[in-house]
Amino acid sequence: LSCATSFRFNTAGWYRQAPGKQRELVATITTGGMTTYVDSVK
């Protein structure tokens, strides 16, 4: 997956929402490149 913007940003993340479920945080990345992941995708 790719996410393109027209501006510089700080922290970014990917979320997902399955039918009938709440939106879930999948992964994040900071300006410096530090990352976090939900356990199910690690």
PDB file of all heavy atoms in Angstrom:
ATOM      1  N   LEU A   1       0.847  -1.198   0.000  1.00  0.00           N
ATOM      2  CA  LEU A   1       0.000   0.000   0.000  1.00  0.00           C
ATOM      3  C   LEU A   1       0.880   1.244   0.000  1.00  0.00           C
ATOM      4  O   LEU A   1       1.927   1.278   0.652  1.00  0.00           O
ATOM      5  CB  LEU A   1      -0.917   0.018   1.220  1.00  0.00           C
ATOM      6  CG  LEU A   1      -1.815  -1.205   1.421  1.00  0.00           C
ATOM      7  CD1 LEU A   1      -2.716  -0.981   2.638  1.00  0.00           C
ATOM      8  CD2 LEU A   1      -2.626  -1.499   0.185  1.00  0.00           C
ATOM      9  N   SER A   2       0.407   2.238  -0.710  1.00  0.00           N
ATOM     10  CA  SER A   2       1.127   3.508  -0.777  1.00  0.00           C
ATOM     11  C   SER A   2       0.188   4.646  -0.416  1.00  0.00           C
ATOM     12  O   SER A   2      -1.002   4.609  -0.750  1.00  0.00           O
ATOM     13  CB  SER A   2       1.675   3.726  -2.181  1.00  0.00           C
ATOM     14  OG  SER A   2       2.334   4.971  -2.279  1.00  0.00           O
ATOM     15  N   CYS A   3       0.716   5.640   0.269  1.00  0.00           N
ATOM     16  CA  CYS A   3      -0.065   6.817   0.667  1.00  0.00           C
ATOM     17  C   CYS A   3       0.749   8.049   0.288  1.00  0.00           C
ATOM     18  O   CYS A   3       1.840   8.255   0.840  1.00  0.00           O
ATOM     19  CB  CYS A   3      -0.331   6.773   2.157  1.00  0.00           C
ATOM     20  SG  CYS A   3      -1.098   8.258   2.819  1.00  0.00           S
ATOM     21  N   ALA A   4       0.228   8.818  -0.633  1.00  0.00           N
ATOM     22  CA  ALA A   4       0.950   9.979  -1.135  1.00  0.00           C
ATOM     23  C   ALA A   4       0.306  11.262  -0.650  1.00  0.00           C
ATOM     24  O   ALA A   4      -0.933  11.395  -0.659  1.00  0.00           O
ATOM     25  CB  ALA A   4       0.973   9.956  -2.659  1.00  0.00           C
ATOM     26  N   THR A   5       1.114  12.215  -0.239  1.00  0.00           N
ATOM     27  CA  THR A   5       0.618  13.518   0.183  1.00  0.00           C
ATOM     28  C   THR A   5       1.348  14.614  -0.587  1.00  0.00           C
ATOM     29  O   THR A   5       2.386  14.361  -1.201  1.00  0.00           O
ATOM     30  CB  THR A   5       0.828  13.732   1.682  1.00  0.00           C
ATOM     31  OG1 THR A   5       2.222  13.942   1.920  1.00  0.00           O
ATOM     32  CG2 THR A   5       0.351  12.551   2.496  1.00  0.00           C
ATOM     33  N   SER A   6       0.823  15.812  -0.510  1.00  0.00           N
ATOM     34  CA  SER A   6       1.438  16.948  -1.180  1.00  0.00           C
ATOM     35  C   SER A   6       2.228  17.806  -0.206  1.00  0.00           C
ATOM     36  O   SER A   6       2.646  18.914  -0.548  1.00  0.00           O
ATOM     37  CB  SER A   6       0.361  17.796  -1.865  1.00  0.00           C
ATOM     38  OG  SER A   6      -0.571  18.261  -0.917  1.00  0.00           O
ATOM     39  N   PHE A   7       2.461  17.282   0.994  1.00  0.00           N
ATOM     40  CA  PHE A   7       3.117  18.069   2.017  1.00  0.00           C
ATOM     41  C   PHE A   7       3.945  17.144   2.912  1.00  0.00           C
ATOM     42  O   PHE A   7       3.716  15.936   2.971  1.00  0.00           O
ATOM     43  CB  PHE A   7       2.081  18.808   2.860  1.00  0.00           C
ATOM     44  CG  PHE A   7       0.968  17.921   3.359  1.00  0.00           C
ATOM     45  CD1 PHE A   7       1.108  17.215   4.549  1.00  0.00           C
ATOM     46  CD2 PHE A   7      -0.212  17.760   2.641  1.00  0.00           C
ATOM     47  CE1 PHE A   7       0.098  16.388   5.004  1.00  0.00           C
ATOM     48  CE2 PHE A   7      -1.231  16.940   3.087  1.00  0.00           C
ATOM     49  CZ  PHE A   7      -1.076  16.239   4.274  1.00  0.00           C
ATOM     50  N   ARG A   8       4.885  17.729   3.624  1.00  0.00           N
ATOM     51  CA  ARG A   8       5.661  16.956   4.578  1.00  0.00           C
ATOM     52  C   ARG A   8       4.838  16.744   5.840  1.00  0.00           C
ATOM     53  O   ARG A   8       4.087  17.624   6.255  1.00  0.00           O
ATOM     54  CB  ARG A   8       6.959  17.695   4.907  1.00  0.00           C
ATOM     55  CG  ARG A   8       7.857  17.885   3.699  1.00  0.00           C
ATOM     56  CD  ARG A   8       9.192  18.457   4.093  1.00  0.00           C
ATOM     57  NE  ARG A   8       9.975  17.477   4.851  1.00  0.00           N
ATOM     58  CZ  ARG A   8      11.223  17.669   5.247  1.00  0.00           C
ATOM     59  NH1 ARG A   8      11.819  18.818   4.965  1.00  0.00           N
ATOM     60  NH2 ARG A   8      11.872  16.748   5.914  1.00  0.00           N
ATOM     61  N   PHE A   9       4.971  15.565   6.404  1.00  0.00           N
ATOM     62  CA  PHE A   9       4.185  15.240   7.582  1.00  0.00           C
ATOM     63  C   PHE A   9       5.098  14.706   8.677  1.00  0.00           C
ATOM     64  O   PHE A   9       6.255  14.364   8.422  1.00  0.00           O
ATOM     65  CB  PHE A   9       3.096  14.219   7.248  1.00  0.00           C
ATOM     66  CG  PHE A   9       3.592  13.008   6.498  1.00  0.00           C
ATOM     67  CD1 PHE A   9       4.104  11.914   7.179  1.00  0.00           C
ATOM     68  CD2 PHE A   9       3.545  12.975   5.113  1.00  0.00           C
ATOM     69  CE1 PHE A   9       4.569  10.803   6.484  1.00  0.00           C
ATOM     70  CE2 PHE A   9       4.003  11.878   4.407  1.00  0.00           C
ATOM     71  CZ  PHE A   9       4.523  10.790   5.088  1.00  0.00           C
ATOM     72  N   ASN A  10       4.577  14.644   9.885  1.00  0.00           N
ATOM     73  CA  ASN A  10       5.318  14.108  11.022  1.00  0.00           C
ATOM     74  C   ASN A  10       5.041  12.615  11.136  1.00  0.00           C
ATOM     75  O   ASN A  10       5.407  11.852  10.273  1.00  0.00           O
ATOM     76  CB  ASN A  10       4.974  14.876  12.292  1.00  0.00           C
ATOM     77  CG  ASN A  10       5.236  16.361  12.143  1.00  0.00           C
ATOM     78  OD1 ASN A  10       4.385  17.200  12.376  1.00  0.00           O
ATOM     79  ND2 ASN A  10       6.440  16.709  11.726  1.00  0.00           N
ATOM     80  N   THR A  11       4.322  12.211  12.165  1.00  0.00           N
ATOM     81  CA  THR A  11       3.980  10.812  12.340  1.00  0.00           C
ATOM     82  C   THR A  11       2.936  10.375  11.316  1.00  0.00           C
ATOM     83  O   THR A  11       2.058  11.162  10.945  1.00  0.00           O
ATOM     84  CB  THR A  11       3.448  10.565  13.759  1.00  0.00           C
ATOM     85  OG1 THR A  11       4.443  10.932  14.693  1.00  0.00           O
ATOM     86  CG2 THR A  11       3.066   9.114  13.961  1.00  0.00           C
ATOM     87  N   ALA A  12       3.061   9.152  10.857  1.00  0.00           N
ATOM     88  CA  ALA A  12       2.084   8.590   9.926  1.00  0.00           C
ATOM     89  C   ALA A  12       1.705   7.195  10.395  1.00  0.00           C
ATOM     90  O   ALA A  12       2.468   6.529  11.104  1.00  0.00           O
ATOM     91  CB  ALA A  12       2.654   8.528   8.517  1.00  0.00           C
ATOM     92  N   GLY A  13       0.537   6.788   9.991  1.00  0.00           N
ATOM     93  CA  GLY A  13       0.094   5.454  10.391  1.00  0.00           C
ATOM     94  C   GLY A  13      -0.874   4.870   9.391  1.00  0.00           C
ATOM     95  O   GLY A  13      -1.449   5.572   8.559  1.00  0.00           O
ATOM     96  N   TRP A  14      -1.011   3.546   9.481  1.00  0.00           N
ATOM     97  CA  TRP A  14      -2.011   2.813   8.708  1.00  0.00           C
ATOM     98  C   TRP A  14      -3.009   2.206   9.680  1.00  0.00           C
ATOM     99  O   TRP A  14      -2.609   1.604  10.685  1.00  0.00           O
ATOM    100  CB  TRP A  14      -1.364   1.717   7.870  1.00  0.00           C
ATOM    101  CG  TRP A  14      -0.629   2.215   6.679  1.00  0.00           C
ATOM    102  CD1 TRP A  14       0.691   2.490   6.586  1.00  0.00           C
ATOM    103  CD2 TRP A  14      -1.184   2.514   5.403  1.00  0.00           C
ATOM    104  NE1 TRP A  14       1.002   2.944   5.328  1.00  0.00           N
ATOM    105  CE2 TRP A  14      -0.138   2.958   4.574  1.00  0.00           C
ATOM    106  CE3 TRP A  14      -2.475   2.443   4.857  1.00  0.00           C
ATOM    107  CZ2 TRP A  14      -0.339   3.332   3.243  1.00  0.00           C
ATOM    108  CZ3 TRP A  14      -2.665   2.803   3.531  1.00  0.00           C
ATOM    109  CH2 TRP A  14      -1.602   3.247   2.744  1.00  0.00           C
ATOM    110  N   TYR A  15      -4.278   2.374   9.370  1.00  0.00           N
ATOM    111  CA  TYR A  15      -5.367   1.798  10.132  1.00  0.00           C
ATOM    112  C   TYR A  15      -6.157   0.881   9.199  1.00  0.00           C
ATOM    113  O   TYR A  15      -6.045   0.970   7.984  1.00  0.00           O
ATOM    114  CB  TYR A  15      -6.314   2.891  10.648  1.00  0.00           C
ATOM    115  CG  TYR A  15      -5.735   3.790  11.712  1.00  0.00           C
ATOM    116  CD1 TYR A  15      -4.753   4.735  11.405  1.00  0.00           C
ATOM    117  CD2 TYR A  15      -6.188   3.723  13.030  1.00  0.00           C
ATOM    118  CE1 TYR A  15      -4.230   5.567  12.381  1.00  0.00           C
ATOM    119  CE2 TYR A  15      -5.678   4.553  14.013  1.00  0.00           C
ATOM    120  CZ  TYR A  15      -4.712   5.479  13.682  1.00  0.00           C
ATOM    121  OH  TYR A  15      -4.200   6.315  14.656  1.00  0.00           O
ATOM    122  N   ARG A  16      -6.967   0.024   9.787  1.00  0.00           N
ATOM    123  CA  ARG A  16      -7.840  -0.798   8.963  1.00  0.00           C
ATOM    124  C   ARG A  16      -9.172  -0.998   9.673  1.00  0.00           C
ATOM    125  O   ARG A  16      -9.247  -0.944  10.906  1.00  0.00           O
ATOM    126  CB  ARG A  16      -7.216  -2.159   8.650  1.00  0.00           C
ATOM    127  CG  ARG A  16      -6.996  -3.058   9.848  1.00  0.00           C
ATOM    128  CD  ARG A  16      -6.222  -4.310   9.435  1.00  0.00           C
ATOM    129  NE  ARG A  16      -5.975  -5.206  10.554  1.00  0.00           N
ATOM    130  CZ  ARG A  16      -5.221  -6.294  10.489  1.00  0.00           C
ATOM    131  NH1 ARG A  16      -4.639  -6.642   9.341  1.00  0.00           N
ATOM    132  NH2 ARG A  16      -5.040  -7.058  11.561  1.00  0.00           N
ATOM    133  N   GLN A  17     -10.210  -1.217   8.884  1.00  0.00           N
ATOM    134  CA  GLN A  17     -11.536  -1.458   9.433  1.00  0.00           C
ATOM    135  C   GLN A  17     -12.204  -2.567   8.650  1.00  0.00           C
ATOM    136  O   GLN A  17     -12.437  -2.428   7.437  1.00  0.00           O
ATOM    137  CB  GLN A  17     -12.385  -0.183   9.387  1.00  0.00           C
ATOM    138  CG  GLN A  17     -13.713  -0.327  10.109  1.00  0.00           C
ATOM    139  CD  GLN A  17     -14.377   1.002  10.355  1.00  0.00           C
ATOM    140  OE1 GLN A  17     -14.065   2.016   9.726  1.00  0.00           O
ATOM    141  NE2 GLN A  17     -15.291   1.035  11.303  1.00  0.00           N
ATOM    142  N   ALA A  18     -12.485  -3.650   9.344  1.00  0.00           N
ATOM    143  CA  ALA A  18     -13.186  -4.773   8.746  1.00  0.00           C
ATOM    144  C   ALA A  18     -14.688  -4.592   8.959  1.00  0.00           C
ATOM    145  O   ALA A  18     -15.096  -3.881   9.893  1.00  0.00           O
ATOM    146  CB  ALA A  18     -12.708  -6.082   9.364  1.00  0.00           C
ATOM    147  N   PRO A  19     -15.511  -5.216   8.146  1.00  0.00           N
ATOM    148  CA  PRO A  19     -16.969  -5.071   8.292  1.00  0.00           C
ATOM    149  C   PRO A  19     -17.428  -5.452   9.695  1.00  0.00           C
ATOM    150  O   PRO A  19     -17.052  -6.504  10.219  1.00  0.00           O
ATOM    151  CB  PRO A  19     -17.518  -6.046   7.249  1.00  0.00           C
ATOM    152  CG  PRO A  19     -16.454  -6.133   6.219  1.00  0.00           C
ATOM    153  CD  PRO A  19     -15.159  -6.034   6.984  1.00  0.00           C
ATOM    154  N   GLY A  20     -18.215  -4.575  10.305  1.00  0.00           N
ATOM    155  CA  GLY A  20     -18.751  -4.837  11.623  1.00  0.00           C
ATOM    156  C   GLY A  20     -17.777  -4.657  12.767  1.00  0.00           C
ATOM    157  O   GLY A  20     -18.108  -4.946  13.924  1.00  0.00           O
ATOM    158  N   LYS A  21     -16.572  -4.181  12.469  1.00  0.00           N
ATOM    159  CA  LYS A  21     -15.568  -3.999  13.512  1.00  0.00           C
ATOM    160  C   LYS A  21     -15.127  -2.552  13.591  1.00  0.00           C
ATOM    161  O   LYS A  21     -15.310  -1.773  12.657  1.00  0.00           O
ATOM    162  CB  LYS A  21     -14.364  -4.908  13.250  1.00  0.00           C
ATOM    163  CG  LYS A  21     -14.679  -6.393  13.339  1.00  0.00           C
ATOM    164  CD  LYS A  21     -13.414  -7.223  13.243  1.00  0.00           C
ATOM    165  CE  LYS A  21     -13.723  -8.698  13.413  1.00  0.00           C
ATOM    166  NZ  LYS A  21     -12.471  -9.529  13.361  1.00  0.00           N
ATOM    167  N   GLN A  22     -14.502  -2.212  14.715  1.00  0.00           N
ATOM    168  CA  GLN A  22     -13.982  -0.862  14.870  1.00  0.00           C
ATOM    169  C   GLN A  22     -12.683  -0.690  14.092  1.00  0.00           C
ATOM    170  O   GLN A  22     -11.979  -1.665  13.803  1.00  0.00           O
ATOM    171  CB  GLN A  22     -13.729  -0.575  16.357  1.00  0.00           C
ATOM    172  CG  GLN A  22     -14.995  -0.447  17.181  1.00  0.00           C
ATOM    173  CD  GLN A  22     -14.712  -0.003  18.605  1.00  0.00           C
ATOM    174  OE1 GLN A  22     -13.652  -0.298  19.164  1.00  0.00           O
ATOM    175  NE2 GLN A  22     -15.650   0.734  19.198  1.00  0.00           N
ATOM    176  N   ARG A  23     -12.387   0.554  13.771  1.00  0.00           N
ATOM    177  CA  ARG A  23     -11.136   0.840  13.099  1.00  0.00           C
ATOM    178  C   ARG A  23      -9.979   0.498  14.034  1.00  0.00           C
ATOM    179  O   ARG A  23      -9.999   0.824  15.207  1.00  0.00           O
ATOM    180  CB  ARG A  23     -11.071   2.311  12.677  1.00  0.00           C
ATOM    181  CG  ARG A  23      -9.920   2.639  11.744  1.00  0.00           C
ATOM    182  CD  ARG A  23     -10.043   4.032  11.180  1.00  0.00           C
ATOM    183  NE  ARG A  23     -11.207   4.142  10.298  1.00  0.00           N
ATOM    184  CZ  ARG A  23     -11.459   5.207   9.526  1.00  0.00           C
ATOM    185  NH1 ARG A  23     -10.596   6.229   9.531  1.00  0.00           N
ATOM    186  NH2 ARG A  23     -12.532   5.244   8.777  1.00  0.00           N
ATOM    187  N   GLU A  24      -8.960  -0.134  13.466  1.00  0.00           N
ATOM    188  CA  GLU A  24      -7.828  -0.642  14.242  1.00  0.00           C
ATOM    189  C   GLU A  24      -6.529  -0.025  13.739  1.00  0.00           C
ATOM    190  O   GLU A  24      -6.295   0.046  12.527  1.00  0.00           O
ATOM    191  CB  GLU A  24      -7.783  -2.169  14.100  1.00  0.00           C
ATOM    192  CG  GLU A  24      -6.573  -2.840  14.696  1.00  0.00           C
ATOM    193  CD  GLU A  24      -6.498  -4.316  14.362  1.00  0.00           C
ATOM    194  OE1 GLU A  24      -6.716  -4.681  13.190  1.00  0.00           O
ATOM    195  OE2 GLU A  24      -6.192  -5.118  15.275  1.00  0.00           O
ATOM    196  N   LEU A  25      -5.671   0.380  14.681  1.00  0.00           N
ATOM    197  CA  LEU A  25      -4.355   0.876  14.313  1.00  0.00           C
ATOM    198  C   LEU A  25      -3.470  -0.315  13.959  1.00  0.00           C
ATOM    199  O   LEU A  25      -3.300  -1.220  14.760  1.00  0.00           O
ATOM    200  CB  LEU A  25      -3.749   1.677  15.456  1.00  0.00           C
ATOM    201  CG  LEU A  25      -2.316   2.175  15.263  1.00  0.00           C
ATOM    202  CD1 LEU A  25      -2.228   3.098  14.064  1.00  0.00           C
ATOM    203  CD2 LEU A  25      -1.832   2.870  16.524  1.00  0.00           C
ATOM    204  N   VAL A  26      -2.870  -0.287  12.775  1.00  0.00           N
ATOM    205  CA  VAL A  26      -2.044  -1.386  12.300  1.00  0.00           C
ATOM    206  C   VAL A  26      -0.567  -1.103  12.519  1.00  0.00           C
ATOM    207  O   VAL A  26       0.166  -1.953  13.035  1.00  0.00           O
ATOM    208  CB  VAL A  26      -2.310  -1.652  10.804  1.00  0.00           C
ATOM    209  CG1 VAL A  26      -1.380  -2.746  10.279  1.00  0.00           C
ATOM    210  CG2 VAL A  26      -3.762  -2.025  10.579  1.00  0.00           C
ATOM    211  N   ALA A  27      -0.120   0.088  12.123  1.00  0.00           N
ATOM    212  CA  ALA A  27       1.304   0.414  12.221  1.00  0.00           C
ATOM    213  C   ALA A  27       1.479   1.920  12.210  1.00  0.00           C
ATOM    214  O   ALA A  27       0.663   2.638  11.629  1.00  0.00           O
ATOM    215  CB  ALA A  27       2.076  -0.213  11.058  1.00  0.00           C
ATOM    216  N   THR A  28       2.566   2.376  12.840  1.00  0.00           N
ATOM    217  CA  THR A  28       2.894   3.794  12.827  1.00  0.00           C
ATOM    218  C   THR A  28       4.387   3.966  12.543  1.00  0.00           C
ATOM    219  O   THR A  28       5.185   3.050  12.772  1.00  0.00           O
ATOM    220  CB  THR A  28       2.574   4.475  14.163  1.00  0.00           C
ATOM    221  OG1 THR A  28       3.406   3.909  15.183  1.00  0.00           O
ATOM    222  CG2 THR A  28       1.108   4.311  14.537  1.00  0.00           C
ATOM    223  N   ILE A  29       4.725   5.155  12.084  1.00  0.00           N
ATOM    224  CA  ILE A  29       6.133   5.493  11.860  1.00  0.00           C
ATOM    225  C   ILE A  29       6.329   6.965  12.177  1.00  0.00           C
ATOM    226  O   ILE A  29       5.526   7.814  11.782  1.00  0.00           O
ATOM    227  CB  ILE A  29       6.576   5.152  10.420  1.00  0.00           C
ATOM    228  CG1 ILE A  29       8.082   5.366  10.250  1.00  0.00           C
ATOM    229  CG2 ILE A  29       5.778   5.953   9.387  1.00  0.00           C
ATOM    230  CD1 ILE A  29       8.640   4.728   8.991  1.00  0.00           C
ATOM    231  N   THR A  30       7.389   7.267  12.907  1.00  0.00           N
ATOM    232  CA  THR A  30       7.679   8.642  13.277  1.00  0.00           C
ATOM    233  C   THR A  30       8.554   9.307  12.220  1.00  0.00           C
ATOM    234  O   THR A  30       9.004   8.674  11.276  1.00  0.00           O
ATOM    235  CB  THR A  30       8.408   8.701  14.622  1.00  0.00           C
ATOM    236  OG1 THR A  30       9.715   8.109  14.445  1.00  0.00           O
ATOM    237  CG2 THR A  30       7.647   7.953  15.708  1.00  0.00           C
ATOM    238  N   THR A  31       8.789  10.587  12.428  1.00  0.00           N
ATOM    239  CA  THR A  31       9.647  11.332  11.515  1.00  0.00           C
ATOM    240  C   THR A  31      11.035  10.695  11.446  1.00  0.00           C
ATOM    241  O   THR A  31      11.657  10.640  10.377  1.00  0.00           O
ATOM    242  CB  THR A  31       9.765  12.790  11.965  1.00  0.00           C
ATOM    243  OG1 THR A  31       8.455  13.355  12.055  1.00  0.00           O
ATOM    244  CG2 THR A  31      10.587  13.596  10.992  1.00  0.00           C
ATOM    245  N   GLY A  32      11.493  10.198  12.570  1.00  0.00           N
ATOM    246  CA  GLY A  32      12.821   9.592  12.631  1.00  0.00           C
ATOM    247  C   GLY A  32      12.873   8.144  12.206  1.00  0.00           C
ATOM    248  O   GLY A  32      13.949   7.544  12.211  1.00  0.00           O
ATOM    249  N   GLY A  33      11.707   7.576  11.856  1.00  0.00           N
ATOM    250  CA  GLY A  33      11.691   6.205  11.362  1.00  0.00           C
ATOM    251  C   GLY A  33      11.398   5.138  12.390  1.00  0.00           C
ATOM    252  O   GLY A  33      11.467   3.937  12.082  1.00  0.00           O
ATOM    253  N   MET A  34      11.059   5.530  13.611  1.00  0.00           N
ATOM    254  CA  MET A  34      10.687   4.528  14.625  1.00  0.00           C
ATOM    255  C   MET A  34       9.308   3.983  14.294  1.00  0.00           C
ATOM    256  O   MET A  34       8.402   4.738  13.928  1.00  0.00           O
ATOM    257  CB  MET A  34      10.710   5.135  16.015  1.00  0.00           C
ATOM    258  CG  MET A  34      12.101   5.543  16.477  1.00  0.00           C
ATOM    259  SD  MET A  34      12.104   6.160  18.174  1.00  0.00           S
ATOM    260  CE  MET A  34      11.593   4.686  19.059  1.00  0.00           C
ATOM    261  N   THR A  35       9.147   2.672  14.439  1.00  0.00           N
ATOM    262  CA  THR A  35       7.906   2.024  14.023  1.00  0.00           C
ATOM    263  C   THR A  35       7.259   1.251  15.165  1.00  0.00           C
ATOM    264  O   THR A  35       7.930   0.810  16.098  1.00  0.00           O
ATOM    265  CB  THR A  35       8.165   1.054  12.861  1.00  0.00           C
ATOM    266  OG1 THR A  35       9.115   0.065  13.279  1.00  0.00           O
ATOM    267  CG2 THR A  35       8.703   1.784  11.642  1.00  0.00           C
ATOM    268  N   THR A  36       5.947   1.107  15.079  1.00  0.00           N
ATOM    269  CA  THR A  36       5.187   0.255  15.992  1.00  0.00           C
ATOM    270  C   THR A  36       4.197  -0.543  15.159  1.00  0.00           C
ATOM    271  O   THR A  36       3.772  -0.094  14.084  1.00  0.00           O
ATOM    272  CB  THR A  36       4.426   1.051  17.054  1.00  0.00           C
ATOM    273  OG1 THR A  36       3.423   1.848  16.413  1.00  0.00           O
ATOM    274  CG2 THR A  36       5.345   1.962  17.857  1.00  0.00           C
ATOM    275  N   TYR A  37       3.826  -1.712  15.670  1.00  0.00           N
ATOM    276  CA  TYR A  37       2.885  -2.589  14.967  1.00  0.00           C
ATOM    277  C   TYR A  37       1.919  -3.223  15.957  1.00  0.00           C
ATOM    278  O   TYR A  37       2.290  -3.529  17.096  1.00  0.00           O
ATOM    279  CB  TYR A  37       3.626  -3.712  14.237  1.00  0.00           C
ATOM    280  CG  TYR A  37       4.599  -3.245  13.184  1.00  0.00           C
ATOM    281  CD1 TYR A  37       5.935  -3.013  13.495  1.00  0.00           C
ATOM    282  CD2 TYR A  37       4.177  -3.030  11.880  1.00  0.00           C
ATOM    283  CE1 TYR A  37       6.830  -2.577  12.546  1.00  0.00           C
ATOM    284  CE2 TYR A  37       5.073  -2.598  10.906  1.00  0.00           C
ATOM    285  CZ  TYR A  37       6.391  -2.378  11.252  1.00  0.00           C
ATOM    286  OH  TYR A  37       7.275  -1.947  10.287  1.00  0.00           O
ATOM    287  N   VAL A  38       0.712  -3.466  15.489  1.00  0.00           N
ATOM    288  CA  VAL A  38      -0.204  -4.275  16.285  1.00  0.00           C
ATOM    289  C   VAL A  38       0.321  -5.711  16.263  1.00  0.00           C
ATOM    290  O   VAL A  38       0.940  -6.150  15.279  1.00  0.00           O
ATOM    291  CB  VAL A  38      -1.644  -4.185  15.711  1.00  0.00           C
ATOM    292  CG1 VAL A  38      -1.722  -4.819  14.333  1.00  0.00           C
ATOM    293  CG2 VAL A  38      -2.648  -4.778  16.667  1.00  0.00           C
ATOM    294  N   ASP A  39       0.102  -6.438  17.336  1.00  0.00           N
ATOM    295  CA  ASP A  39       0.688  -7.779  17.461  1.00  0.00           C
ATOM    296  C   ASP A  39       0.332  -8.703  16.293  1.00  0.00           C
ATOM    297  O   ASP A  39       1.148  -9.513  15.861  1.00  0.00           O
ATOM    298  CB  ASP A  39       0.244  -8.426  18.782  1.00  0.00           C
ATOM    299  CG  ASP A  39       0.952  -7.832  19.985  1.00  0.00           C
ATOM    300  OD1 ASP A  39       1.958  -7.120  19.801  1.00  0.00           O
ATOM    301  OD2 ASP A  39       0.500  -8.078  21.114  1.00  0.00           O
ATOM    302  N   SER A  40      -0.866  -8.581  15.791  1.00  0.00           N
ATOM    303  CA  SER A  40      -1.334  -9.522  14.768  1.00  0.00           C
ATOM    304  C   SER A  40      -0.597  -9.404  13.428  1.00  0.00           C
ATOM    305  O   SER A  40      -0.707 -10.299  12.590  1.00  0.00           O
ATOM    306  CB  SER A  40      -2.829  -9.349  14.540  1.00  0.00           C
ATOM    307  OG  SER A  40      -3.115  -8.028  14.112  1.00  0.00           O
ATOM    308  N   VAL A  41       0.142  -8.315  13.222  1.00  0.00           N
ATOM    309  CA  VAL A  41       0.857  -8.145  11.945  1.00  0.00           C
ATOM    310  C   VAL A  41       2.366  -8.147  12.108  1.00  0.00           C
ATOM    311  O   VAL A  41       3.097  -8.071  11.114  1.00  0.00           O
ATOM    312  CB  VAL A  41       0.417  -6.857  11.209  1.00  0.00           C
ATOM    313  CG1 VAL A  41      -1.101  -6.802  11.078  1.00  0.00           C
ATOM    314  CG2 VAL A  41       0.958  -5.606  11.894  1.00  0.00           C
ATOM    315  N   LYS A  42       2.848  -8.232  13.320  1.00  0.00           N
ATOM    316  CA  LYS A  42       4.295  -8.214  13.552  1.00  0.00           C
ATOM    317  C   LYS A  42       4.969  -9.361  12.814  1.00  0.00           C
ATOM    318  O   LYS A  42       4.505 -10.499  12.850  1.00  0.00           O
ATOM    319  CB  LYS A  42       4.587  -8.298  15.046  1.00  0.00           C
ATOM    320  CG  LYS A  42       4.318  -7.011  15.796  1.00  0.00           C
ATOM    321  CD  LYS A  42       4.654  -7.145  17.289  1.00  0.00           C
ATOM    322  CE  LYS A  42       4.389  -5.843  18.025  1.00  0.00           C
ATOM    323  NZ  LYS A  42       4.658  -5.964  19.484  1.00  0.00           N
TER     324      LYS A  42
END
